[in-house]
Amino acid sequence: MHLAAVLRAADFSRQRVLEVGCGEGRLTWGIAPLAASLLAVDPSPEDVNTARASGPSELRHKVRFQVARADEVEIEPQSVDLVFFSWSL
């Protein structure tokens, strides 16, 4: 239900997405089929490892994971179209 609500709230189609607080990737892998690319970050190395391992191989080229807090993420200006926070605040 949470993924369905998120997909109704924003248009991820062909967007370069930054997901802050990806956790174990539950929403990451639901958004990935729509997005052009997705950078998913979380401060927990364990959660990032779980998220990385849980995704389907056909989507792995679109998704990059990084262990970081929101204030530590370094991205190029204008390199993302949409920033997504879920359970992160």
C-alpha atoms as a PDB file:
ATOM      1  CA  MET A   1       0.000   0.000   0.000  1.00  0.00           C
ATOM      2  CA  HIS A   2       2.822   2.379   0.783  1.00  0.00           C
ATOM      3  CA  LEU A   3       4.359   1.997  -2.687  1.00  0.00           C
ATOM      4  CA  ALA A   4       0.978   2.597  -4.329  1.00  0.00           C
ATOM      5  CA  ALA A   5       0.513   5.788  -2.284  1.00  0.00           C
ATOM      6  CA  VAL A   6       3.984   7.029  -3.215  1.00  0.00           C
ATOM      7  CA  LEU A   7       3.396   6.338  -6.912  1.00  0.00           C
ATOM      8  CA  ARG A   8       0.139   8.306  -6.762  1.00  0.00           C
ATOM      9  CA  ALA A   9       1.878  11.243  -5.069  1.00  0.00           C
ATOM     10  CA  ALA A  10       4.665  11.777  -7.608  1.00  0.00           C
ATOM     11  CA  ASP A  11       5.455  11.011 -11.223  1.00  0.00           C
ATOM     12  CA  PHE A  12       8.704   9.045 -11.279  1.00  0.00           C
ATOM     13  CA  SER A  13       8.512   8.335 -15.023  1.00  0.00           C
ATOM     14  CA  ARG A  14      11.841   9.000 -16.729  1.00  0.00           C
ATOM     15  CA  GLN A  15      13.041  11.026 -13.738  1.00  0.00           C
ATOM     16  CA  ARG A  16      16.538  11.036 -12.238  1.00  0.00           C
ATOM     17  CA  VAL A  17      15.585  10.245  -8.648  1.00  0.00           C
ATOM     18  CA  LEU A  18      17.429  10.698  -5.364  1.00  0.00           C
ATOM     19  CA  GLU A  19      15.876   8.564  -2.634  1.00  0.00           C
ATOM     20  CA  VAL A  20      16.897   9.622   0.864  1.00  0.00           C
ATOM     21  CA  GLY A  21      16.424   6.908   3.465  1.00  0.00           C
ATOM     22  CA  CYS A  22      16.116   3.889   1.195  1.00  0.00           C
ATOM     23  CA  GLY A  23      16.390   1.400   4.053  1.00  0.00           C
ATOM     24  CA  GLU A  24      16.263  -2.155   2.752  1.00  0.00           C
ATOM     25  CA  GLY A  25      15.092  -1.040  -0.704  1.00  0.00           C
ATOM     26  CA  ARG A  26      11.407  -1.880  -0.412  1.00  0.00           C
ATOM     27  CA  LEU A  27      10.352   1.297  -2.239  1.00  0.00           C
ATOM     28  CA  THR A  28      13.563   1.651  -4.252  1.00  0.00           C
ATOM     29  CA  TRP A  29      12.891  -1.423  -6.349  1.00  0.00           C
ATOM     30  CA  GLY A  30       9.233  -0.425  -6.812  1.00  0.00           C
ATOM     31  CA  ILE A  31      10.205   2.985  -8.187  1.00  0.00           C
ATOM     32  CA  ALA A  32      13.167   1.801 -10.290  1.00  0.00           C
ATOM     33  CA  PRO A  33      11.135   0.442 -13.235  1.00  0.00           C
ATOM     34  CA  LEU A  34       9.728   3.935 -13.838  1.00  0.00           C
ATOM     35  CA  ALA A  35      12.784   6.079 -13.169  1.00  0.00           C
ATOM     36  CA  ALA A  36      15.528   6.916 -15.639  1.00  0.00           C
ATOM     37  CA  SER A  37      18.015   6.452 -12.805  1.00  0.00           C
ATOM     38  CA  LEU A  38      17.899   6.230  -9.044  1.00  0.00           C
ATOM     39  CA  LEU A  39      20.481   7.071  -6.388  1.00  0.00           C
ATOM     40  CA  ALA A  40      19.329   5.494  -3.127  1.00  0.00           C
ATOM     41  CA  VAL A  41      21.060   6.510   0.103  1.00  0.00           C
ATOM     42  CA  ASP A  42      20.788   5.393   3.698  1.00  0.00           C
ATOM     43  CA  PRO A  43      23.079   5.774   6.720  1.00  0.00           C
ATOM     44  CA  SER A  44      22.886   2.057   7.571  1.00  0.00           C
ATOM     45  CA  PRO A  45      25.477  -0.093   5.770  1.00  0.00           C
ATOM     46  CA  GLU A  46      23.482  -3.205   6.654  1.00  0.00           C
ATOM     47  CA  ASP A  47      20.285  -1.838   5.109  1.00  0.00           C
ATOM     48  CA  VAL A  48      22.111  -0.661   1.981  1.00  0.00           C
ATOM     49  CA  ASN A  49      23.679  -4.107   1.551  1.00  0.00           C
ATOM     50  CA  THR A  50      20.265  -5.738   1.930  1.00  0.00           C
ATOM     51  CA  ALA A  51      18.728  -3.305  -0.569  1.00  0.00           C
ATOM     52  CA  ARG A  52      21.513  -3.854  -3.073  1.00  0.00           C
ATOM     53  CA  ALA A  53      21.140  -7.641  -2.875  1.00  0.00           C
ATOM     54  CA  SER A  54      17.344  -7.670  -3.017  1.00  0.00           C
ATOM     55  CA  GLY A  55      16.788  -6.048  -6.394  1.00  0.00           C
ATOM     56  CA  PRO A  56      16.095  -7.769  -9.689  1.00  0.00           C
ATOM     57  CA  SER A  57      19.124  -8.050 -11.947  1.00  0.00           C
ATOM     58  CA  GLU A  58      17.336  -6.390 -14.885  1.00  0.00           C
ATOM     59  CA  LEU A  59      17.029  -3.118 -12.910  1.00  0.00           C
ATOM     60  CA  ARG A  60      20.476  -2.963 -11.304  1.00  0.00           C
ATOM     61  CA  HIS A  61      21.891  -0.816 -14.105  1.00  0.00           C
ATOM     62  CA  LYS A  62      19.439   1.958 -13.138  1.00  0.00           C
ATOM     63  CA  VAL A  63      20.036   1.968  -9.381  1.00  0.00           C
ATOM     64  CA  ARG A  64      23.076   3.103  -7.430  1.00  0.00           C
ATOM     65  CA  PHE A  65      23.323   2.804  -3.647  1.00  0.00           C
ATOM     66  CA  GLN A  66      25.355   4.895  -1.249  1.00  0.00           C
ATOM     67  CA  VAL A  67      25.851   4.701   2.507  1.00  0.00           C
ATOM     68  CA  ALA A  68      25.307   8.274   3.674  1.00  0.00           C
ATOM     69  CA  ARG A  69      23.124  10.567   5.715  1.00  0.00           C
ATOM     70  CA  ALA A  70      21.064  13.140   3.828  1.00  0.00           C
ATOM     71  CA  ASP A  71      23.478  15.935   4.702  1.00  0.00           C
ATOM     72  CA  GLU A  72      26.443  13.893   3.406  1.00  0.00           C
ATOM     73  CA  VAL A  73      25.166  13.156  -0.086  1.00  0.00           C
ATOM     74  CA  GLU A  74      27.283  14.767  -2.760  1.00  0.00           C
ATOM     75  CA  ILE A  75      25.682  15.149  -6.166  1.00  0.00           C
ATOM     76  CA  GLU A  76      26.304  17.401  -9.105  1.00  0.00           C
ATOM     77  CA  PRO A  77      23.994  20.425  -9.337  1.00  0.00           C
ATOM     78  CA  GLN A  78      20.911  19.686 -11.432  1.00  0.00           C
ATOM     79  CA  SER A  79      21.805  15.978 -11.645  1.00  0.00           C
ATOM     80  CA  VAL A  80      18.455  14.873 -10.182  1.00  0.00           C
ATOM     81  CA  ASP A  81      14.900  15.743 -11.126  1.00  0.00           C
ATOM     82  CA  LEU A  82      13.116  14.462  -8.053  1.00  0.00           C
ATOM     83  CA  VAL A  83      14.155  13.966  -4.416  1.00  0.00           C
ATOM     84  CA  PHE A  84      12.149  11.434  -2.473  1.00  0.00           C
ATOM     85  CA  PHE A  85      12.102  11.048   1.326  1.00  0.00           C
ATOM     86  CA  SER A  86      10.224   8.233   2.995  1.00  0.00           C
ATOM     87  CA  TRP A  87      10.391   7.504   6.701  1.00  0.00           C
ATOM     88  CA  SER A  88      13.462   9.748   6.777  1.00  0.00           C
ATOM     89  CA  LEU A  89      12.501  12.733   8.877  1.00  0.00           C
END
